[in-house]
Structure formats: structure tokens, C-alpha cells
């Protein structure tokens, strides 16, 4: 996932549970792999880190916080926290 503004890539800061998602330069391609997984209801997707330590970690808002500027982290599976992919026009 690459930012159009910064040309930097999204990655997990350390690659494990409760790590922040940060922007960085592309150094090791494996650091930047994400899996897109459909939700069971077919109405959304989950964004999962390809880097794992035997546990799947999904991109979600820390603590389910809905406020603006809430921190996005990788954490254990939480079905409530779905992300949608949209097309910027």
C-alpha cells in the first residue's frame, strides 16, 4: 500500500501484535506485504499483515476508537473493525 502523497509504503513498525502502521521507504519487499481478506458478510474486507509469528494480525484502530487521528495498529482479529477499499476519482 503506497501513499500517493508521500510515495512511501505502509508497513508494520515491527511486524507484530499492537505495532503501529507507519510509512517507510521500500527496503525489503517482505516488510510491505499485506493480505486482503473478504469478510464473511461480503460487505467489507480485512487488511492482514503477511508478516506473522504464528498469529494473524489485522489492521485496526487501537481500542476501537472512532475519534479523528486515532492510532492504527496491527492486532488480533476483531470482526467489528472492517476496512473498505474505495476508488479515488
PDB file of N, CA and C in Angstrom:
ATOM      1  N   UNK A   1       0.870  -1.169   0.000  1.00  0.00           N
ATOM      2  CA  UNK A   1       0.000   0.000   0.000  1.00  0.00           C
ATOM      3  C   UNK A   1       0.909   1.222   0.000  1.00  0.00           C
ATOM      4  N   UNK A   2       0.787   2.021  -1.042  1.00  0.00           N
ATOM      5  CA  UNK A   2       1.688   3.161  -1.226  1.00  0.00           C
ATOM      6  C   UNK A   2       0.893   4.463  -1.186  1.00  0.00           C
ATOM      7  N   UNK A   3       1.410   5.449  -0.474  1.00  0.00           N
ATOM      8  CA  UNK A   3       0.770   6.754  -0.398  1.00  0.00           C
ATOM      9  C   UNK A   3       0.994   7.543  -1.679  1.00  0.00           C
ATOM     10  N   UNK A   4      -0.065   8.088  -2.243  1.00  0.00           N
ATOM     11  CA  UNK A   4       0.062   8.952  -3.424  1.00  0.00           C
ATOM     12  C   UNK A   4       0.759  10.260  -3.059  1.00  0.00           C
ATOM     13  N   UNK A   5       0.585  10.707  -1.832  1.00  0.00           N
ATOM     14  CA  UNK A   5       1.155  11.982  -1.406  1.00  0.00           C
ATOM     15  C   UNK A   5       2.651  11.880  -1.126  1.00  0.00           C
ATOM     16  N   UNK A   6       3.052  10.875  -0.327  1.00  0.00           N
ATOM     17  CA  UNK A   6       4.444  10.789   0.107  1.00  0.00           C
ATOM     18  C   UNK A   6       5.291   9.847  -0.729  1.00  0.00           C
ATOM     19  N   UNK A   7       4.634   8.981  -1.537  1.00  0.00           N
ATOM     20  CA  UNK A   7       5.329   7.939  -2.293  1.00  0.00           C
ATOM     21  C   UNK A   7       5.995   6.912  -1.368  1.00  0.00           C
ATOM     22  N   UNK A   8       5.606   6.901  -0.083  1.00  0.00           N
ATOM     23  CA  UNK A   8       6.129   5.939   0.874  1.00  0.00           C
ATOM     24  C   UNK A   8       5.128   4.796   1.049  1.00  0.00           C
ATOM     25  N   UNK A   9       5.600   3.694   1.598  1.00  0.00           N
ATOM     26  CA  UNK A   9       4.796   2.485   1.725  1.00  0.00           C
ATOM     27  C   UNK A   9       4.349   2.276   3.163  1.00  0.00           C
ATOM     28  N   UNK A  10       3.166   1.679   3.330  1.00  0.00           N
ATOM     29  CA  UNK A  10       2.678   1.334   4.656  1.00  0.00           C
ATOM     30  C   UNK A  10       3.298   0.026   5.098  1.00  0.00           C
ATOM     31  N   UNK A  11       3.770  -0.001   6.331  1.00  0.00           N
ATOM     32  CA  UNK A  11       4.281  -1.251   6.892  1.00  0.00           C
ATOM     33  C   UNK A  11       4.022  -1.258   8.389  1.00  0.00           C
ATOM     34  N   UNK A  12       4.069  -2.444   8.974  1.00  0.00           N
ATOM     35  CA  UNK A  12       4.000  -2.567  10.422  1.00  0.00           C
ATOM     36  C   UNK A  12       5.344  -2.150  10.986  1.00  0.00           C
ATOM     37  N   UNK A  13       5.327  -1.335  12.028  1.00  0.00           N
ATOM     38  CA  UNK A  13       6.572  -0.794  12.576  1.00  0.00           C
ATOM     39  C   UNK A  13       7.555  -1.908  12.937  1.00  0.00           C
ATOM     40  N   UNK A  14       7.088  -2.933  13.633  1.00  0.00           N
ATOM     41  CA  UNK A  14       7.946  -4.055  13.994  1.00  0.00           C
ATOM     42  C   UNK A  14       7.434  -5.375  13.427  1.00  0.00           C
ATOM     43  N   UNK A  15       6.173  -5.397  12.987  1.00  0.00           N
ATOM     44  CA  UNK A  15       5.634  -6.594  12.353  1.00  0.00           C
ATOM     45  C   UNK A  15       4.876  -7.519  13.271  1.00  0.00           C
ATOM     46  N   UNK A  16       4.579  -7.081  14.496  1.00  0.00           N
ATOM     47  CA  UNK A  16       3.890  -7.978  15.416  1.00  0.00           C
ATOM     48  C   UNK A  16       2.757  -7.260  16.149  1.00  0.00           C
ATOM     49  N   UNK A  17       2.096  -7.988  17.041  1.00  0.00           N
ATOM     50  CA  UNK A  17       0.896  -7.521  17.734  1.00  0.00           C
ATOM     51  C   UNK A  17       1.051  -6.129  18.343  1.00  0.00           C
ATOM     52  N   UNK A  18       0.036  -5.297  18.160  1.00  0.00           N
ATOM     53  CA  UNK A  18      -0.060  -3.944  18.692  1.00  0.00           C
ATOM     54  C   UNK A  18       0.990  -2.989  18.142  1.00  0.00           C
ATOM     55  N   UNK A  19       1.587  -3.337  17.019  1.00  0.00           N
ATOM     56  CA  UNK A  19       2.512  -2.412  16.381  1.00  0.00           C
ATOM     57  C   UNK A  19       1.748  -1.379  15.566  1.00  0.00           C
ATOM     58  N   UNK A  20       2.307  -0.190  15.502  1.00  0.00           N
ATOM     59  CA  UNK A  20       1.724   0.860  14.694  1.00  0.00           C
ATOM     60  C   UNK A  20       1.972   0.578  13.217  1.00  0.00           C
ATOM     61  N   UNK A  21       1.111   1.140  12.390  1.00  0.00           N
ATOM     62  CA  UNK A  21       1.308   1.107  10.950  1.00  0.00           C
ATOM     63  C   UNK A  21       1.928   2.444  10.570  1.00  0.00           C
ATOM     64  N   UNK A  22       3.097   2.391   9.928  1.00  0.00           N
ATOM     65  CA  UNK A  22       3.857   3.605   9.628  1.00  0.00           C
ATOM     66  C   UNK A  22       4.209   3.664   8.147  1.00  0.00           C
ATOM     67  N   UNK A  23       4.660   4.825   7.704  1.00  0.00           N
ATOM     68  CA  UNK A  23       5.160   4.981   6.335  1.00  0.00           C
ATOM     69  C   UNK A  23       6.678   4.819   6.349  1.00  0.00           C
ATOM     70  N   UNK A  24       7.200   4.191   5.303  1.00  0.00           N
ATOM     71  CA  UNK A  24       8.641   3.997   5.234  1.00  0.00           C
ATOM     72  C   UNK A  24       9.047   3.784   3.780  1.00  0.00           C
ATOM     73  N   UNK A  25      10.357   3.831   3.537  1.00  0.00           N
ATOM     74  CA  UNK A  25      10.872   3.541   2.208  1.00  0.00           C
ATOM     75  C   UNK A  25      10.851   2.039   1.975  1.00  0.00           C
ATOM     76  N   UNK A  26      10.766   1.647   0.725  1.00  0.00           N
ATOM     77  CA  UNK A  26      10.768   0.234   0.370  1.00  0.00           C
ATOM     78  C   UNK A  26      12.209  -0.273   0.412  1.00  0.00           C
ATOM     79  N   UNK A  27      12.529  -1.073   1.430  1.00  0.00           N
ATOM     80  CA  UNK A  27      13.876  -1.639   1.552  1.00  0.00           C
ATOM     81  C   UNK A  27      13.826  -3.144   1.354  1.00  0.00           C
ATOM     82  N   UNK A  28      12.969  -3.805   2.090  1.00  0.00           N
ATOM     83  CA  UNK A  28      12.800  -5.245   1.972  1.00  0.00           C
ATOM     84  C   UNK A  28      11.346  -5.504   1.614  1.00  0.00           C
ATOM     85  N   UNK A  29      11.115  -6.050   0.433  1.00  0.00           N
ATOM     86  CA  UNK A  29       9.750  -6.218  -0.062  1.00  0.00           C
ATOM     87  C   UNK A  29       8.862  -6.995   0.902  1.00  0.00           C
ATOM     88  N   UNK A  30       9.435  -7.932   1.650  1.00  0.00           N
ATOM     89  CA  UNK A  30       8.640  -8.727   2.583  1.00  0.00           C
ATOM     90  C   UNK A  30       8.059  -7.898   3.721  1.00  0.00           C
ATOM     91  N   UNK A  31       8.669  -6.754   4.023  1.00  0.00           N
ATOM     92  CA  UNK A  31       8.151  -5.897   5.093  1.00  0.00           C
ATOM     93  C   UNK A  31       6.800  -5.283   4.718  1.00  0.00           C
ATOM     94  N   UNK A  32       6.517  -5.238   3.438  1.00  0.00           N
ATOM     95  CA  UNK A  32       5.382  -4.443   2.977  1.00  0.00           C
ATOM     96  C   UNK A  32       4.268  -5.275   2.374  1.00  0.00           C
ATOM     97  N   UNK A  33       4.250  -6.562   2.674  1.00  0.00           N
ATOM     98  CA  UNK A  33       3.193  -7.399   2.103  1.00  0.00           C
ATOM     99  C   UNK A  33       1.960  -7.373   2.996  1.00  0.00           C
ATOM    100  N   UNK A  34       0.820  -7.158   2.357  1.00  0.00           N
ATOM    101  CA  UNK A  34      -0.462  -7.155   3.057  1.00  0.00           C
ATOM    102  C   UNK A  34      -1.397  -8.107   2.336  1.00  0.00           C
ATOM    103  N   UNK A  35      -2.233  -8.782   3.086  1.00  0.00           N
ATOM    104  CA  UNK A  35      -3.234  -9.669   2.506  1.00  0.00           C
ATOM    105  C   UNK A  35      -4.603  -9.037   2.671  1.00  0.00           C
ATOM    106  N   UNK A  36      -5.391  -9.082   1.610  1.00  0.00           N
ATOM    107  CA  UNK A  36      -6.754  -8.565   1.637  1.00  0.00           C
ATOM    108  C   UNK A  36      -7.679  -9.768   1.777  1.00  0.00           C
ATOM    109  N   UNK A  37      -8.473  -9.770   2.843  1.00  0.00           N
ATOM    110  CA  UNK A  37      -9.309 -10.924   3.156  1.00  0.00           C
ATOM    111  C   UNK A  37     -10.775 -10.496   3.233  1.00  0.00           C
ATOM    112  N   UNK A  38     -11.656 -11.111   2.454  1.00  0.00           N
ATOM    113  CA  UNK A  38     -13.068 -10.706   2.497  1.00  0.00           C
ATOM    114  C   UNK A  38     -13.723 -11.083   3.815  1.00  0.00           C
ATOM    115  N   UNK A  39     -14.638 -10.224   4.274  1.00  0.00           N
ATOM    116  CA  UNK A  39     -15.418 -10.520   5.474  1.00  0.00           C
ATOM    117  C   UNK A  39     -16.475 -11.569   5.142  1.00  0.00           C
ATOM    118  N   UNK A  40     -16.923 -12.272   6.150  1.00  0.00           N
ATOM    119  CA  UNK A  40     -17.944 -13.302   5.948  1.00  0.00           C
ATOM    120  C   UNK A  40     -19.240 -12.739   5.387  1.00  0.00           C
ATOM    121  N   UNK A  41     -19.558 -11.477   5.737  1.00  0.00           N
ATOM    122  CA  UNK A  41     -20.815 -10.887   5.258  1.00  0.00           C
ATOM    123  C   UNK A  41     -20.712 -10.387   3.822  1.00  0.00           C
ATOM    124  N   UNK A  42     -19.508 -10.413   3.245  1.00  0.00           N
ATOM    125  CA  UNK A  42     -19.322  -9.981   1.861  1.00  0.00           C
ATOM    126  C   UNK A  42     -19.404  -8.486   1.661  1.00  0.00           C
ATOM    127  N   UNK A  43     -19.487  -7.706   2.748  1.00  0.00           N
ATOM    128  CA  UNK A  43     -19.667  -6.260   2.632  1.00  0.00           C
ATOM    129  C   UNK A  43     -18.410  -5.468   2.952  1.00  0.00           C
ATOM    130  N   UNK A  44     -17.335  -6.133   3.260  1.00  0.00           N
ATOM    131  CA  UNK A  44     -16.116  -5.408   3.602  1.00  0.00           C
ATOM    132  C   UNK A  44     -14.915  -6.319   3.439  1.00  0.00           C
ATOM    133  N   UNK A  45     -13.770  -5.784   3.782  1.00  0.00           N
ATOM    134  CA  UNK A  45     -12.536  -6.561   3.718  1.00  0.00           C
ATOM    135  C   UNK A  45     -11.738  -6.314   4.990  1.00  0.00           C
ATOM    136  N   UNK A  46     -10.878  -7.254   5.310  1.00  0.00           N
ATOM    137  CA  UNK A  46      -9.906  -7.054   6.367  1.00  0.00           C
ATOM    138  C   UNK A  46      -8.548  -6.894   5.711  1.00  0.00           C
ATOM    139  N   UNK A  47      -7.683  -6.095   6.310  1.00  0.00           N
ATOM    140  CA  UNK A  47      -6.322  -5.926   5.825  1.00  0.00           C
ATOM    141  C   UNK A  47      -5.411  -6.600   6.841  1.00  0.00           C
ATOM    142  N   UNK A  48      -4.748  -7.653   6.394  1.00  0.00           N
ATOM    143  CA  UNK A  48      -3.956  -8.500   7.285  1.00  0.00           C
ATOM    144  C   UNK A  48      -2.490  -8.418   6.903  1.00  0.00           C
ATOM    145  N   UNK A  49      -1.621  -8.366   7.900  1.00  0.00           N
ATOM    146  CA  UNK A  49      -0.187  -8.359   7.647  1.00  0.00           C
ATOM    147  C   UNK A  49       0.268  -9.739   7.210  1.00  0.00           C
ATOM    148  N   UNK A  50       1.103  -9.787   6.181  1.00  0.00           N
ATOM    149  CA  UNK A  50       1.665 -11.065   5.738  1.00  0.00           C
ATOM    150  C   UNK A  50       2.769 -11.521   6.686  1.00  0.00           C
ATOM    151  N   UNK A  51       3.310 -10.590   7.470  1.00  0.00           N
ATOM    152  CA  UNK A  51       4.317 -10.939   8.463  1.00  0.00           C
ATOM    153  C   UNK A  51       3.593 -11.382   9.719  1.00  0.00           C
ATOM    154  N   UNK A  52       3.865 -12.577  10.192  1.00  0.00           N
ATOM    155  CA  UNK A  52       3.220 -13.018  11.422  1.00  0.00           C
ATOM    156  C   UNK A  52       4.145 -13.949  12.187  1.00  0.00           C
ATOM    157  N   UNK A  53       3.815 -14.136  13.442  1.00  0.00           N
ATOM    158  CA  UNK A  53       4.599 -15.023  14.296  1.00  0.00           C
ATOM    159  C   UNK A  53       3.718 -16.199  14.710  1.00  0.00           C
ATOM    160  N   UNK A  54       2.964 -16.739  13.760  1.00  0.00           N
ATOM    161  CA  UNK A  54       2.044 -17.823  14.068  1.00  0.00           C
ATOM    162  C   UNK A  54       0.635 -17.339  14.363  1.00  0.00           C
ATOM    163  N   UNK A  55       0.467 -16.036  14.515  1.00  0.00           N
ATOM    164  CA  UNK A  55      -0.847 -15.431  14.753  1.00  0.00           C
ATOM    165  C   UNK A  55      -1.106 -14.431  13.641  1.00  0.00           C
ATOM    166  N   UNK A  56      -2.344 -14.361  13.175  1.00  0.00           N
ATOM    167  CA  UNK A  56      -2.693 -13.379  12.145  1.00  0.00           C
ATOM    168  C   UNK A  56      -2.996 -12.040  12.805  1.00  0.00           C
ATOM    169  N   UNK A  57      -2.386 -10.979  12.285  1.00  0.00           N
ATOM    170  CA  UNK A  57      -2.620  -9.647  12.808  1.00  0.00           C
ATOM    171  C   UNK A  57      -3.275  -8.793  11.730  1.00  0.00           C
ATOM    172  N   UNK A  58      -4.327  -8.105  12.107  1.00  0.00           N
ATOM    173  CA  UNK A  58      -5.138  -7.311  11.199  1.00  0.00           C
ATOM    174  C   UNK A  58      -4.989  -5.834  11.523  1.00  0.00           C
ATOM    175  N   UNK A  59      -5.051  -5.004  10.471  1.00  0.00           N
ATOM    176  CA  UNK A  59      -5.004  -3.566  10.653  1.00  0.00           C
ATOM    177  C   UNK A  59      -6.320  -3.104  11.271  1.00  0.00           C
ATOM    178  N   UNK A  60      -6.234  -2.386  12.382  1.00  0.00           N
ATOM    179  CA  UNK A  60      -7.443  -1.881  13.024  1.00  0.00           C
ATOM    180  C   UNK A  60      -7.107  -0.658  13.861  1.00  0.00           C
ATOM    181  N   UNK A  61      -8.153   0.069  14.258  1.00  0.00           N
ATOM    182  CA  UNK A  61      -7.972   1.256  15.082  1.00  0.00           C
ATOM    183  C   UNK A  61      -7.770   0.810  16.526  1.00  0.00           C
ATOM    184  N   UNK A  62      -6.754   1.334  17.161  1.00  0.00           N
ATOM    185  CA  UNK A  62      -6.426   0.910  18.520  1.00  0.00           C
ATOM    186  C   UNK A  62      -7.607   1.127  19.462  1.00  0.00           C
ATOM    187  N   UNK A  63      -7.994   0.075  20.144  1.00  0.00           N
ATOM    188  CA  UNK A  63      -9.079   0.161  21.117  1.00  0.00           C
ATOM    189  C   UNK A  63     -10.448   0.417  20.508  1.00  0.00           C
ATOM    190  N   UNK A  64     -10.588   0.270  19.195  1.00  0.00           N
ATOM    191  CA  UNK A  64     -11.869   0.539  18.549  1.00  0.00           C
ATOM    192  C   UNK A  64     -12.252   2.008  18.609  1.00  0.00           C
ATOM    193  N   UNK A  65     -11.271   2.886  18.769  1.00  0.00           N
ATOM    194  CA  UNK A  65     -11.502   4.328  18.920  1.00  0.00           C
ATOM    195  C   UNK A  65     -12.007   4.917  17.606  1.00  0.00           C
ATOM    196  N   UNK A  66     -13.092   5.659  17.667  1.00  0.00           N
ATOM    197  CA  UNK A  66     -13.676   6.231  16.449  1.00  0.00           C
ATOM    198  C   UNK A  66     -13.331   7.712  16.260  1.00  0.00           C
ATOM    199  N   UNK A  67     -12.503   8.285  17.139  1.00  0.00           N
ATOM    200  CA  UNK A  67     -12.159   9.696  17.018  1.00  0.00           C
ATOM    201  C   UNK A  67     -11.185   9.929  15.866  1.00  0.00           C
ATOM    202  N   UNK A  68     -11.194  11.129  15.342  1.00  0.00           N
ATOM    203  CA  UNK A  68     -10.258  11.512  14.297  1.00  0.00           C
ATOM    204  C   UNK A  68      -8.834  11.433  14.861  1.00  0.00           C
ATOM    205  N   UNK A  69      -7.883  11.072  14.039  1.00  0.00           N
ATOM    206  CA  UNK A  69      -6.474  10.914  14.394  1.00  0.00           C
ATOM    207  C   UNK A  69      -6.224   9.764  15.357  1.00  0.00           C
ATOM    208  N   UNK A  70      -7.148   8.790  15.411  1.00  0.00           N
ATOM    209  CA  UNK A  70      -6.913   7.604  16.232  1.00  0.00           C
ATOM    210  C   UNK A  70      -5.782   6.782  15.625  1.00  0.00           C
ATOM    211  N   UNK A  71      -5.015   6.142  16.468  1.00  0.00           N
ATOM    212  CA  UNK A  71      -3.856   5.370  16.005  1.00  0.00           C
ATOM    213  C   UNK A  71      -4.309   4.056  15.377  1.00  0.00           C
ATOM    214  N   UNK A  72      -3.748   3.740  14.211  1.00  0.00           N
ATOM    215  CA  UNK A  72      -3.998   2.475  13.537  1.00  0.00           C
ATOM    216  C   UNK A  72      -2.854   1.529  13.888  1.00  0.00           C
ATOM    217  N   UNK A  73      -3.214   0.326  14.353  1.00  0.00           N
ATOM    218  CA  UNK A  73      -2.220  -0.657  14.770  1.00  0.00           C
ATOM    219  C   UNK A  73      -2.529  -2.002  14.123  1.00  0.00           C
ATOM    220  N   UNK A  74      -1.651  -2.963  14.322  1.00  0.00           N
ATOM    221  CA  UNK A  74      -1.938  -4.357  13.994  1.00  0.00           C
ATOM    222  C   UNK A  74      -2.271  -5.057  15.295  1.00  0.00           C
ATOM    223  N   UNK A  75      -3.331  -5.848  15.275  1.00  0.00           N
ATOM    224  CA  UNK A  75      -3.725  -6.528  16.494  1.00  0.00           C
ATOM    225  C   UNK A  75      -4.453  -7.809  16.153  1.00  0.00           C
ATOM    226  N   UNK A  76      -4.798  -8.567  17.189  1.00  0.00           N
ATOM    227  CA  UNK A  76      -5.540  -9.800  16.995  1.00  0.00           C
ATOM    228  C   UNK A  76      -6.881  -9.513  16.324  1.00  0.00           C
ATOM    229  N   UNK A  77      -7.442 -10.524  15.706  1.00  0.00           N
ATOM    230  CA  UNK A  77      -8.653 -10.420  14.910  1.00  0.00           C
ATOM    231  C   UNK A  77      -9.814  -9.780  15.674  1.00  0.00           C
ATOM    232  N   UNK A  78     -10.432  -8.780  15.077  1.00  0.00           N
ATOM    233  CA  UNK A  78     -11.628  -8.138  15.614  1.00  0.00           C
ATOM    234  C   UNK A  78     -12.590  -7.930  14.458  1.00  0.00           C
ATOM    235  N   UNK A  79     -13.616  -8.751  14.399  1.00  0.00           N
ATOM    236  CA  UNK A  79     -14.540  -8.749  13.258  1.00  0.00           C
ATOM    237  C   UNK A  79     -15.245  -7.410  13.054  1.00  0.00           C
ATOM    238  N   UNK A  80     -15.386  -6.630  14.120  1.00  0.00           N
ATOM    239  CA  UNK A  80     -16.080  -5.345  14.022  1.00  0.00           C
ATOM    240  C   UNK A  80     -15.299  -4.326  13.196  1.00  0.00           C
ATOM    241  N   UNK A  81     -13.998  -4.455  13.155  1.00  0.00           N
ATOM    242  CA  UNK A  81     -13.166  -3.416  12.546  1.00  0.00           C
ATOM    243  C   UNK A  81     -12.836  -3.757  11.095  1.00  0.00           C
ATOM    244  N   UNK A  82     -13.746  -3.428  10.218  1.00  0.00           N
ATOM    245  CA  UNK A  82     -13.578  -3.685   8.794  1.00  0.00           C
ATOM    246  C   UNK A  82     -13.052  -2.430   8.105  1.00  0.00           C
ATOM    247  N   UNK A  83     -12.272  -2.647   7.066  1.00  0.00           N
ATOM    248  CA  UNK A  83     -11.836  -1.546   6.211  1.00  0.00           C
ATOM    249  C   UNK A  83     -12.411  -1.772   4.821  1.00  0.00           C
ATOM    250  N   UNK A  84     -12.730  -0.707   4.131  1.00  0.00           N
ATOM    251  CA  UNK A  84     -13.255  -0.791   2.778  1.00  0.00           C
ATOM    252  C   UNK A  84     -12.250  -0.163   1.824  1.00  0.00           C
ATOM    253  N   UNK A  85     -12.099  -0.783   0.673  1.00  0.00           N
ATOM    254  CA  UNK A  85     -11.257  -0.197  -0.355  1.00  0.00           C
ATOM    255  C   UNK A  85     -12.142   0.606  -1.286  1.00  0.00           C
ATOM    256  N   UNK A  86     -11.752   1.864  -1.501  1.00  0.00           N
ATOM    257  CA  UNK A  86     -12.525   2.714  -2.402  1.00  0.00           C
ATOM    258  C   UNK A  86     -11.649   3.281  -3.492  1.00  0.00           C
ATOM    259  N   UNK A  87     -12.257   3.721  -4.540  1.00  0.00           N
ATOM    260  CA  UNK A  87     -11.528   4.290  -5.668  1.00  0.00           C
ATOM    261  C   UNK A  87     -11.543   5.813  -5.547  1.00  0.00           C
ATOM    262  N   UNK A  88     -10.353   6.417  -5.586  1.00  0.00           N
ATOM    263  CA  UNK A  88     -10.242   7.870  -5.545  1.00  0.00           C
ATOM    264  C   UNK A  88     -10.372   8.373  -6.977  1.00  0.00           C
ATOM    265  N   UNK A  89     -11.288   9.303  -7.184  1.00  0.00           N
ATOM    266  CA  UNK A  89     -11.537   9.825  -8.538  1.00  0.00           C
ATOM    267  C   UNK A  89     -11.050  11.265  -8.616  1.00  0.00           C
TER     268      UNK A  89
END
